[in-house]
Amino acid sequence: MKMQAALVILVFSGLLAVQTTLAAQHVIGGSQGWDQSVDFDSWSSDKSFKVGDQLVFKYSGLHSVVELGSEAAYKSCDLGTPVNSLSSGNDVVKVSKTGTRYFACGTPGHCESGMKVKVNVVSADSTAASSPDSDSSSDSDSGSSTGSGSSSSSGQGLRASIGYVLAVGSLVVGLVWAF
């Protein structure tokens, strides 16, 4: 009975590893976070954002996050009709579909000084490499989370492969151990 319980635990651990490797979490602005000192165009230029990934906005009380509905609103910093507004200081936005999303700081003058980011989202099965800044997860579409994790620059496909290897390896070890 003890061995069967160990087998079940190992299998579930492997499956959990697969689930957590399929989506990346991107801390917007990297280690500096959502801050006026970041060049968001440069920061995002080598990133690939995929459906299922999460965007994490970490910032002080001087800032907020406003999601804009169009490129025109993004370019002109028109914050008058936001799609979403966040202000927890540690906001997580789950990317659920392909396309471009636009974010800006809601503090007057910050968007105009460059505190805005455009995120181009591709399908989860795209071959472009994903560049996560953290491996924590959250189930919300948008809201706050307190998770943080280690930095990583591996591609999503590689992470998924590692997850599958862990799951299969856990199953094999469990079976060998059980018999």
N, C-alpha and C. Protein backbone atom coordinates (compact mmCIF):
# COMPACT_ATOMS: atom_id res chain seq x y z
N MET A 1 0.83 -1.20 0.00
CA MET A 1 0.00 0.00 0.00
C MET A 1 0.87 1.25 0.00
N LYS A 2 1.97 1.21 0.76
CA LYS A 2 2.86 2.34 0.85
C LYS A 2 3.47 2.66 -0.52
N MET A 3 3.81 1.60 -1.25
CA MET A 3 4.43 1.80 -2.56
C MET A 3 3.43 2.36 -3.56
N GLN A 4 2.19 1.95 -3.48
CA GLN A 4 1.17 2.49 -4.37
C GLN A 4 0.95 3.97 -4.12
N ALA A 5 0.97 4.36 -2.84
CA ALA A 5 0.81 5.78 -2.50
C ALA A 5 1.99 6.58 -3.05
N ALA A 6 3.18 6.03 -2.93
CA ALA A 6 4.37 6.71 -3.46
C ALA A 6 4.28 6.85 -4.98
N LEU A 7 3.78 5.81 -5.63
CA LEU A 7 3.62 5.85 -7.09
C LEU A 7 2.64 6.94 -7.49
N VAL A 8 1.53 7.03 -6.80
CA VAL A 8 0.53 8.06 -7.10
C VAL A 8 1.14 9.45 -6.91
N ILE A 9 1.87 9.64 -5.84
CA ILE A 9 2.51 10.95 -5.58
C ILE A 9 3.50 11.29 -6.69
N LEU A 10 4.31 10.31 -7.10
CA LEU A 10 5.29 10.56 -8.16
C LEU A 10 4.62 10.91 -9.48
N VAL A 11 3.56 10.20 -9.83
CA VAL A 11 2.86 10.47 -11.09
C VAL A 11 2.25 11.87 -11.07
N PHE A 12 1.58 12.22 -9.98
CA PHE A 12 0.99 13.56 -9.90
C PHE A 12 2.05 14.65 -9.91
N SER A 13 3.19 14.40 -9.28
CA SER A 13 4.30 15.37 -9.31
C SER A 13 4.78 15.58 -10.74
N GLY A 14 4.90 14.51 -11.48
CA GLY A 14 5.32 14.61 -12.88
C GLY A 14 4.31 15.36 -13.72
N LEU A 15 3.03 15.07 -13.51
CA LEU A 15 1.99 15.76 -14.27
C LEU A 15 1.95 17.24 -13.91
N LEU A 16 2.17 17.58 -12.64
CA LEU A 16 2.22 18.98 -12.24
C LEU A 16 3.39 19.67 -12.92
N ALA A 17 4.51 18.99 -13.05
CA ALA A 17 5.67 19.57 -13.73
C ALA A 17 5.33 19.88 -15.19
N VAL A 18 4.58 19.00 -15.84
CA VAL A 18 4.17 19.25 -17.22
C VAL A 18 3.29 20.49 -17.29
N GLN A 19 2.31 20.60 -16.40
CA GLN A 19 1.39 21.74 -16.42
C GLN A 19 2.13 23.05 -16.23
N THR A 20 3.06 23.11 -15.30
CA THR A 20 3.73 24.36 -15.01
C THR A 20 4.76 24.74 -16.07
N THR A 21 5.14 23.81 -16.93
CA THR A 21 6.13 24.14 -17.95
C THR A 21 5.50 24.64 -19.24
N LEU A 22 4.21 24.53 -19.40
CA LEU A 22 3.59 24.89 -20.66
C LEU A 22 3.37 26.39 -20.84
N ALA A 23 3.31 27.15 -19.78
CA ALA A 23 3.10 28.59 -19.88
C ALA A 23 4.26 29.32 -19.23
N ALA A 24 4.61 30.45 -19.80
CA ALA A 24 5.68 31.28 -19.25
C ALA A 24 5.08 32.47 -18.52
N GLN A 25 5.83 32.99 -17.60
CA GLN A 25 5.41 34.19 -16.90
C GLN A 25 6.47 35.25 -17.17
N HIS A 26 6.05 36.37 -17.73
CA HIS A 26 6.95 37.45 -18.12
C HIS A 26 6.79 38.63 -17.16
N VAL A 27 7.84 38.96 -16.45
CA VAL A 27 7.81 40.15 -15.60
C VAL A 27 8.11 41.33 -16.51
N ILE A 28 7.11 42.16 -16.74
CA ILE A 28 7.24 43.28 -17.66
C ILE A 28 8.31 44.25 -17.14
N GLY A 29 9.33 44.49 -17.97
CA GLY A 29 10.45 45.35 -17.59
C GLY A 29 11.59 44.59 -16.95
N GLY A 30 11.47 43.26 -16.85
CA GLY A 30 12.53 42.44 -16.27
C GLY A 30 12.74 42.76 -14.80
N SER A 31 14.00 42.77 -14.37
CA SER A 31 14.30 42.96 -12.95
C SER A 31 13.91 44.35 -12.44
N GLN A 32 13.82 45.33 -13.34
CA GLN A 32 13.42 46.67 -12.92
C GLN A 32 11.91 46.79 -12.78
N GLY A 33 11.18 45.90 -13.41
CA GLY A 33 9.72 45.91 -13.32
C GLY A 33 9.10 47.03 -14.13
N TRP A 34 7.87 47.35 -13.78
CA TRP A 34 7.07 48.38 -14.45
C TRP A 34 7.50 49.72 -13.88
N ASP A 35 8.50 50.34 -14.54
CA ASP A 35 9.12 51.55 -14.02
C ASP A 35 9.48 52.49 -15.17
N GLN A 36 9.50 53.78 -14.89
CA GLN A 36 9.81 54.78 -15.93
C GLN A 36 11.22 54.66 -16.48
N SER A 37 12.13 54.04 -15.76
CA SER A 37 13.52 53.95 -16.21
C SER A 37 13.73 52.88 -17.27
N VAL A 38 12.73 52.05 -17.53
CA VAL A 38 12.86 50.94 -18.48
C VAL A 38 12.52 51.40 -19.90
N ASP A 39 13.32 50.96 -20.86
CA ASP A 39 13.02 51.16 -22.27
C ASP A 39 12.21 49.93 -22.69
N PHE A 40 10.89 50.04 -22.66
CA PHE A 40 10.02 48.89 -22.89
C PHE A 40 10.09 48.38 -24.32
N ASP A 41 10.37 49.26 -25.29
CA ASP A 41 10.52 48.79 -26.67
C ASP A 41 11.73 47.86 -26.78
N SER A 42 12.83 48.24 -26.17
CA SER A 42 14.03 47.39 -26.18
C SER A 42 13.80 46.12 -25.38
N TRP A 43 13.17 46.26 -24.21
CA TRP A 43 12.94 45.10 -23.37
C TRP A 43 12.10 44.04 -24.09
N SER A 44 11.06 44.47 -24.77
CA SER A 44 10.14 43.52 -25.41
C SER A 44 10.62 43.02 -26.77
N SER A 45 11.64 43.66 -27.34
CA SER A 45 12.05 43.33 -28.71
C SER A 45 12.51 41.89 -28.90
N ASP A 46 13.08 41.26 -27.89
CA ASP A 46 13.55 39.89 -28.04
C ASP A 46 12.66 38.87 -27.32
N LYS A 47 11.48 39.30 -26.93
CA LYS A 47 10.55 38.42 -26.22
C LYS A 47 9.51 37.86 -27.17
N SER A 48 9.08 36.64 -26.88
CA SER A 48 7.98 36.03 -27.61
C SER A 48 6.90 35.70 -26.59
N PHE A 49 5.72 36.23 -26.80
CA PHE A 49 4.60 36.03 -25.89
C PHE A 49 3.61 35.09 -26.55
N LYS A 50 3.21 34.06 -25.81
CA LYS A 50 2.32 33.04 -26.36
C LYS A 50 1.02 32.94 -25.57
N VAL A 51 -0.01 32.46 -26.24
CA VAL A 51 -1.29 32.21 -25.59
C VAL A 51 -1.02 31.27 -24.41
N GLY A 52 -1.56 31.62 -23.26
CA GLY A 52 -1.35 30.85 -22.04
C GLY A 52 -0.31 31.47 -21.13
N ASP A 53 0.56 32.31 -21.68
CA ASP A 53 1.57 32.99 -20.87
C ASP A 53 0.90 34.01 -19.95
N GLN A 54 1.67 34.49 -18.99
CA GLN A 54 1.17 35.50 -18.08
C GLN A 54 2.11 36.70 -18.10
N LEU A 55 1.53 37.87 -18.06
CA LEU A 55 2.27 39.12 -18.00
C LEU A 55 2.17 39.61 -16.56
N VAL A 56 3.32 39.88 -15.95
CA VAL A 56 3.35 40.31 -14.55
C VAL A 56 3.85 41.74 -14.50
N PHE A 57 3.07 42.60 -13.90
CA PHE A 57 3.44 44.01 -13.73
C PHE A 57 3.75 44.22 -12.25
N LYS A 58 5.03 44.47 -11.95
CA LYS A 58 5.46 44.73 -10.57
C LYS A 58 5.89 46.19 -10.50
N TYR A 59 5.29 46.94 -9.56
CA TYR A 59 5.56 48.38 -9.51
C TYR A 59 5.22 48.96 -8.15
N SER A 60 5.69 50.18 -7.95
CA SER A 60 5.41 50.90 -6.70
C SER A 60 4.06 51.60 -6.80
N GLY A 61 3.65 52.21 -5.70
CA GLY A 61 2.37 52.93 -5.66
C GLY A 61 2.32 54.17 -6.52
N LEU A 62 3.45 54.55 -7.11
CA LEU A 62 3.47 55.72 -7.99
C LEU A 62 2.88 55.41 -9.37
N HIS A 63 2.70 54.14 -9.66
CA HIS A 63 2.28 53.72 -11.00
C HIS A 63 0.97 52.93 -10.94
N SER A 64 0.46 52.62 -12.12
CA SER A 64 -0.66 51.72 -12.29
C SER A 64 -0.54 51.13 -13.69
N VAL A 65 -1.42 50.24 -14.04
CA VAL A 65 -1.41 49.62 -15.37
C VAL A 65 -2.78 49.84 -15.99
N VAL A 66 -2.77 50.37 -17.20
CA VAL A 66 -4.01 50.57 -17.96
C VAL A 66 -3.85 49.82 -19.27
N GLU A 67 -4.79 48.91 -19.54
CA GLU A 67 -4.76 48.23 -20.83
C GLU A 67 -5.59 49.04 -21.81
N LEU A 68 -4.99 49.33 -22.95
CA LEU A 68 -5.64 50.15 -23.97
C LEU A 68 -6.21 49.25 -25.07
N GLY A 69 -7.27 49.69 -25.70
CA GLY A 69 -7.98 48.87 -26.67
C GLY A 69 -7.51 48.94 -28.10
N SER A 70 -6.61 49.88 -28.42
CA SER A 70 -6.19 50.01 -29.82
C SER A 70 -4.79 50.58 -29.93
N GLU A 71 -4.21 50.39 -31.09
CA GLU A 71 -2.88 50.95 -31.35
C GLU A 71 -2.93 52.48 -31.36
N ALA A 72 -4.03 53.03 -31.85
CA ALA A 72 -4.17 54.50 -31.87
C ALA A 72 -4.15 55.05 -30.44
N ALA A 73 -4.88 54.41 -29.53
CA ALA A 73 -4.89 54.84 -28.13
C ALA A 73 -3.49 54.68 -27.52
N TYR A 74 -2.80 53.61 -27.89
CA TYR A 74 -1.44 53.35 -27.40
C TYR A 74 -0.48 54.44 -27.88
N LYS A 75 -0.52 54.73 -29.17
CA LYS A 75 0.39 55.72 -29.74
C LYS A 75 0.15 57.12 -29.18
N SER A 76 -1.11 57.46 -28.96
CA SER A 76 -1.45 58.81 -28.48
C SER A 76 -1.55 58.89 -26.95
N CYS A 77 -1.34 57.75 -26.27
CA CYS A 77 -1.49 57.69 -24.81
C CYS A 77 -2.86 58.17 -24.36
N ASP A 78 -3.89 57.73 -25.09
CA ASP A 78 -5.27 58.06 -24.74
C ASP A 78 -5.75 57.05 -23.71
N LEU A 79 -5.75 57.46 -22.45
CA LEU A 79 -6.12 56.58 -21.34
C LEU A 79 -7.60 56.70 -20.97
N GLY A 80 -8.36 57.43 -21.79
CA GLY A 80 -9.76 57.74 -21.48
C GLY A 80 -10.71 56.57 -21.50
N THR A 81 -10.47 55.56 -22.32
CA THR A 81 -11.38 54.42 -22.40
C THR A 81 -10.58 53.11 -22.27
N PRO A 82 -10.09 52.83 -21.08
CA PRO A 82 -9.27 51.63 -20.91
C PRO A 82 -10.08 50.34 -21.00
N VAL A 83 -9.43 49.29 -21.45
CA VAL A 83 -10.02 47.95 -21.47
C VAL A 83 -10.00 47.39 -20.05
N ASN A 84 -8.94 47.71 -19.32
CA ASN A 84 -8.76 47.21 -17.96
C ASN A 84 -7.82 48.16 -17.22
N SER A 85 -8.03 48.30 -15.93
CA SER A 85 -7.14 49.11 -15.08
C SER A 85 -6.75 48.29 -13.87
N LEU A 86 -5.46 48.29 -13.56
CA LEU A 86 -4.93 47.51 -12.45
C LEU A 86 -4.09 48.42 -11.56
N SER A 87 -4.07 48.11 -10.25
CA SER A 87 -3.32 49.00 -9.36
C SER A 87 -2.78 48.33 -8.11
N SER A 88 -2.64 47.01 -8.12
CA SER A 88 -2.20 46.31 -6.91
C SER A 88 -0.69 46.42 -6.67
N GLY A 89 0.07 46.71 -7.72
CA GLY A 89 1.52 46.73 -7.60
C GLY A 89 2.16 45.40 -7.96
N ASN A 90 1.34 44.38 -8.12
CA ASN A 90 1.81 43.05 -8.53
C ASN A 90 0.68 42.37 -9.29
N ASP A 91 0.43 42.87 -10.51
CA ASP A 91 -0.72 42.42 -11.29
C ASP A 91 -0.31 41.35 -12.29
N VAL A 92 -1.15 40.34 -12.44
CA VAL A 92 -0.91 39.26 -13.39
C VAL A 92 -2.03 39.27 -14.42
N VAL A 93 -1.64 39.32 -15.70
CA VAL A 93 -2.60 39.30 -16.80
C VAL A 93 -2.32 38.05 -17.61
N LYS A 94 -3.31 37.17 -17.70
CA LYS A 94 -3.16 35.95 -18.49
C LYS A 94 -3.48 36.25 -19.95
N VAL A 95 -2.63 35.78 -20.83
CA VAL A 95 -2.81 36.00 -22.27
C VAL A 95 -3.64 34.84 -22.80
N SER A 96 -4.85 35.13 -23.28
CA SER A 96 -5.76 34.06 -23.67
C SER A 96 -6.02 33.95 -25.17
N LYS A 97 -5.52 34.91 -25.96
CA LYS A 97 -5.72 34.82 -27.41
C LYS A 97 -4.60 35.54 -28.15
N THR A 98 -4.45 35.22 -29.42
CA THR A 98 -3.42 35.85 -30.23
C THR A 98 -3.81 37.29 -30.55
N GLY A 99 -2.82 38.07 -30.93
CA GLY A 99 -3.06 39.47 -31.28
C GLY A 99 -2.14 40.37 -30.49
N THR A 100 -2.38 41.66 -30.60
CA THR A 100 -1.55 42.64 -29.91
C THR A 100 -2.32 43.25 -28.76
N ARG A 101 -1.63 43.36 -27.62
CA ARG A 101 -2.22 44.01 -26.45
C ARG A 101 -1.35 45.20 -26.09
N TYR A 102 -2.00 46.25 -25.61
CA TYR A 102 -1.33 47.51 -25.33
C TYR A 102 -1.52 47.90 -23.87
N PHE A 103 -0.42 48.24 -23.21
CA PHE A 103 -0.46 48.62 -21.80
C PHE A 103 0.29 49.92 -21.59
N ALA A 104 -0.19 50.74 -20.67
CA ALA A 104 0.46 52.01 -20.35
C ALA A 104 0.30 52.27 -18.86
N CYS A 105 1.15 53.14 -18.33
CA CYS A 105 1.00 53.57 -16.95
C CYS A 105 -0.12 54.61 -16.91
N GLY A 106 -0.97 54.52 -15.89
CA GLY A 106 -2.08 55.44 -15.77
C GLY A 106 -1.75 56.75 -15.07
N THR A 107 -0.53 56.87 -14.55
CA THR A 107 -0.13 58.12 -13.90
C THR A 107 0.07 59.20 -14.96
N PRO A 108 -0.52 60.38 -14.77
CA PRO A 108 -0.40 61.45 -15.77
C PRO A 108 1.06 61.72 -16.15
N GLY A 109 1.30 61.73 -17.46
CA GLY A 109 2.62 62.02 -18.01
C GLY A 109 3.53 60.83 -18.19
N HIS A 110 3.26 59.73 -17.50
CA HIS A 110 4.16 58.57 -17.59
C HIS A 110 4.09 57.88 -18.95
N CYS A 111 2.91 57.69 -19.50
CA CYS A 111 2.79 57.07 -20.83
C CYS A 111 3.52 57.92 -21.86
N GLU A 112 3.30 59.22 -21.80
CA GLU A 112 3.94 60.13 -22.76
C GLU A 112 5.47 60.09 -22.66
N SER A 113 5.97 59.75 -21.48
CA SER A 113 7.43 59.66 -21.32
C SER A 113 7.96 58.26 -21.63
N GLY A 114 7.10 57.38 -22.15
CA GLY A 114 7.55 56.07 -22.62
C GLY A 114 7.18 54.89 -21.75
N MET A 115 6.42 55.11 -20.72
CA MET A 115 6.05 53.99 -19.85
C MET A 115 4.82 53.29 -20.41
N LYS A 116 5.08 52.55 -21.48
CA LYS A 116 4.04 51.79 -22.16
C LYS A 116 4.70 50.63 -22.88
N VAL A 117 3.94 49.56 -23.09
CA VAL A 117 4.50 48.39 -23.76
C VAL A 117 3.44 47.76 -24.65
N LYS A 118 3.89 47.31 -25.81
CA LYS A 118 3.04 46.61 -26.78
C LYS A 118 3.48 45.15 -26.75
N VAL A 119 2.51 44.24 -26.59
CA VAL A 119 2.79 42.81 -26.48
C VAL A 119 2.12 42.09 -27.64
N ASN A 120 2.93 41.49 -28.51
CA ASN A 120 2.42 40.73 -29.64
C ASN A 120 2.34 39.26 -29.25
N VAL A 121 1.13 38.71 -29.25
CA VAL A 121 0.90 37.35 -28.78
C VAL A 121 0.71 36.41 -29.96
N VAL A 122 1.47 35.31 -29.95
CA VAL A 122 1.35 34.28 -30.98
C VAL A 122 0.70 33.04 -30.37
N SER A 123 0.31 32.10 -31.21
CA SER A 123 -0.34 30.89 -30.70
C SER A 123 0.64 30.07 -29.86
N ALA A 124 0.11 29.28 -28.96
CA ALA A 124 0.93 28.48 -28.05
C ALA A 124 1.77 27.45 -28.78
N ASP A 125 1.32 27.01 -29.96
CA ASP A 125 2.08 26.01 -30.70
C ASP A 125 3.07 26.62 -31.69
N SER A 126 3.25 27.92 -31.62
CA SER A 126 4.23 28.60 -32.47
C SER A 126 5.63 28.11 -32.13
N THR A 127 6.51 28.10 -33.11
CA THR A 127 7.88 27.61 -32.88
C THR A 127 8.81 28.68 -32.34
N ALA A 128 8.35 29.92 -32.24
CA ALA A 128 9.20 30.99 -31.69
C ALA A 128 9.48 30.71 -30.22
N ALA A 129 10.69 31.01 -29.79
CA ALA A 129 11.08 30.76 -28.40
C ALA A 129 10.40 31.76 -27.47
N SER A 130 9.96 31.27 -26.34
CA SER A 130 9.38 32.13 -25.31
C SER A 130 10.47 32.46 -24.32
N SER A 131 10.46 33.69 -23.80
CA SER A 131 11.50 34.12 -22.88
C SER A 131 10.89 34.55 -21.56
N PRO A 132 10.63 33.60 -20.68
CA PRO A 132 9.99 33.95 -19.42
C PRO A 132 10.96 34.61 -18.46
N ASP A 133 10.44 35.43 -17.57
CA ASP A 133 11.25 36.05 -16.53
C ASP A 133 10.97 35.41 -15.19
N SER A 134 9.97 34.54 -15.13
CA SER A 134 9.61 33.91 -13.88
C SER A 134 8.79 32.67 -14.17
N ASP A 135 8.82 31.70 -13.30
CA ASP A 135 8.10 30.46 -13.53
C ASP A 135 6.90 30.29 -12.62
N SER A 136 6.48 31.31 -11.90
CA SER A 136 5.30 31.20 -11.03
C SER A 136 4.05 31.19 -11.87
N SER A 137 2.95 30.79 -11.28
CA SER A 137 1.71 30.76 -12.05
C SER A 137 0.55 31.33 -11.26
N SER A 138 -0.49 31.70 -12.00
CA SER A 138 -1.72 32.20 -11.42
C SER A 138 -2.85 31.79 -12.34
N ASP A 139 -4.01 31.52 -11.80
CA ASP A 139 -5.13 31.07 -12.62
C ASP A 139 -6.02 32.19 -13.10
N SER A 140 -5.76 33.43 -12.69
CA SER A 140 -6.66 34.52 -13.04
C SER A 140 -6.37 35.08 -14.42
N ASP A 141 -7.42 35.59 -15.09
CA ASP A 141 -7.24 36.27 -16.36
C ASP A 141 -6.51 37.58 -16.16
N SER A 142 -6.89 38.31 -15.15
CA SER A 142 -6.14 39.50 -14.77
C SER A 142 -6.46 39.77 -13.32
N GLY A 143 -5.48 40.27 -12.64
CA GLY A 143 -5.65 40.51 -11.22
C GLY A 143 -4.30 40.50 -10.57
N SER A 144 -4.25 40.26 -9.28
CA SER A 144 -2.97 40.31 -8.62
C SER A 144 -2.54 38.94 -8.17
N SER A 145 -1.24 38.81 -8.05
CA SER A 145 -0.62 37.58 -7.58
C SER A 145 0.65 37.96 -6.86
N THR A 146 1.07 37.14 -5.94
CA THR A 146 2.29 37.45 -5.21
C THR A 146 3.41 36.50 -5.57
N GLY A 147 3.24 35.69 -6.60
CA GLY A 147 4.27 34.71 -6.96
C GLY A 147 5.48 35.35 -7.59
N SER A 148 6.63 34.73 -7.34
CA SER A 148 7.85 35.11 -8.03
C SER A 148 8.68 33.86 -8.17
N GLY A 149 9.56 33.84 -9.16
CA GLY A 149 10.34 32.64 -9.38
C GLY A 149 11.68 32.97 -9.95
N SER A 150 12.39 31.96 -10.38
CA SER A 150 13.74 32.15 -10.89
C SER A 150 13.71 32.57 -12.35
N SER A 151 14.78 33.22 -12.77
CA SER A 151 14.88 33.66 -14.15
C SER A 151 15.19 32.47 -15.05
N SER A 152 14.71 32.55 -16.26
CA SER A 152 14.94 31.49 -17.22
C SER A 152 14.83 32.08 -18.61
N SER A 153 15.59 31.53 -19.55
CA SER A 153 15.45 32.01 -20.92
C SER A 153 15.26 30.86 -21.89
N SER A 154 14.88 29.69 -21.39
CA SER A 154 14.67 28.55 -22.26
C SER A 154 13.38 28.71 -23.04
N GLY A 155 13.28 28.05 -24.18
CA GLY A 155 12.09 28.11 -25.00
C GLY A 155 10.97 27.29 -24.42
N GLN A 156 9.74 27.62 -24.81
CA GLN A 156 8.57 26.93 -24.30
C GLN A 156 8.59 25.46 -24.71
N GLY A 157 9.00 25.17 -25.93
CA GLY A 157 9.07 23.78 -26.39
C GLY A 157 10.03 22.97 -25.56
N LEU A 158 11.18 23.52 -25.22
CA LEU A 158 12.15 22.83 -24.39
C LEU A 158 11.59 22.59 -23.01
N ARG A 159 10.93 23.60 -22.43
CA ARG A 159 10.35 23.44 -21.11
C ARG A 159 9.27 22.36 -21.12
N ALA A 160 8.46 22.32 -22.17
CA ALA A 160 7.42 21.30 -22.26
C ALA A 160 8.06 19.92 -22.35
N SER A 161 9.14 19.78 -23.14
CA SER A 161 9.83 18.51 -23.27
C SER A 161 10.39 18.05 -21.94
N ILE A 162 10.97 18.96 -21.19
CA ILE A 162 11.50 18.62 -19.87
C ILE A 162 10.38 18.16 -18.96
N GLY A 163 9.24 18.83 -19.04
CA GLY A 163 8.09 18.43 -18.23
C GLY A 163 7.62 17.02 -18.55
N TYR A 164 7.56 16.69 -19.84
CA TYR A 164 7.16 15.35 -20.23
C TYR A 164 8.17 14.32 -19.76
N VAL A 165 9.45 14.62 -19.87
CA VAL A 165 10.49 13.72 -19.40
C VAL A 165 10.34 13.48 -17.89
N LEU A 166 10.08 14.57 -17.14
CA LEU A 166 9.86 14.42 -15.70
C LEU A 166 8.65 13.54 -15.40
N ALA A 167 7.58 13.73 -16.13
CA ALA A 167 6.37 12.94 -15.90
C ALA A 167 6.61 11.47 -16.20
N VAL A 168 7.20 11.19 -17.34
CA VAL A 168 7.47 9.80 -17.72
C VAL A 168 8.50 9.19 -16.78
N GLY A 169 9.53 9.96 -16.45
CA GLY A 169 10.56 9.48 -15.52
C GLY A 169 9.97 9.15 -14.17
N SER A 170 9.09 10.01 -13.66
CA SER A 170 8.44 9.76 -12.38
C SER A 170 7.61 8.48 -12.43
N LEU A 171 6.91 8.28 -13.53
CA LEU A 171 6.10 7.07 -13.69
C LEU A 171 6.97 5.82 -13.70
N VAL A 172 8.06 5.86 -14.47
CA VAL A 172 8.97 4.71 -14.56
C VAL A 172 9.58 4.40 -13.19
N VAL A 173 10.09 5.44 -12.52
CA VAL A 173 10.69 5.24 -11.19
C VAL A 173 9.66 4.68 -10.23
N GLY A 174 8.46 5.20 -10.28
CA GLY A 174 7.40 4.71 -9.40
C GLY A 174 7.07 3.25 -9.67
N LEU A 175 6.98 2.89 -10.93
CA LEU A 175 6.68 1.50 -11.28
C LEU A 175 7.79 0.55 -10.84
N VAL A 176 9.04 0.95 -11.09
CA VAL A 176 10.19 0.13 -10.68
C VAL A 176 10.20 -0.02 -9.17
N TRP A 177 9.95 1.05 -8.48
CA TRP A 177 9.97 1.06 -7.01
C TRP A 177 8.82 0.20 -6.46
N ALA A 178 7.68 0.24 -7.13
CA ALA A 178 6.51 -0.51 -6.65
C ALA A 178 6.67 -2.00 -6.81
N PHE A 179 7.49 -2.43 -7.76
CA PHE A 179 7.64 -3.87 -8.02
C PHE A 179 9.01 -4.25 -7.63
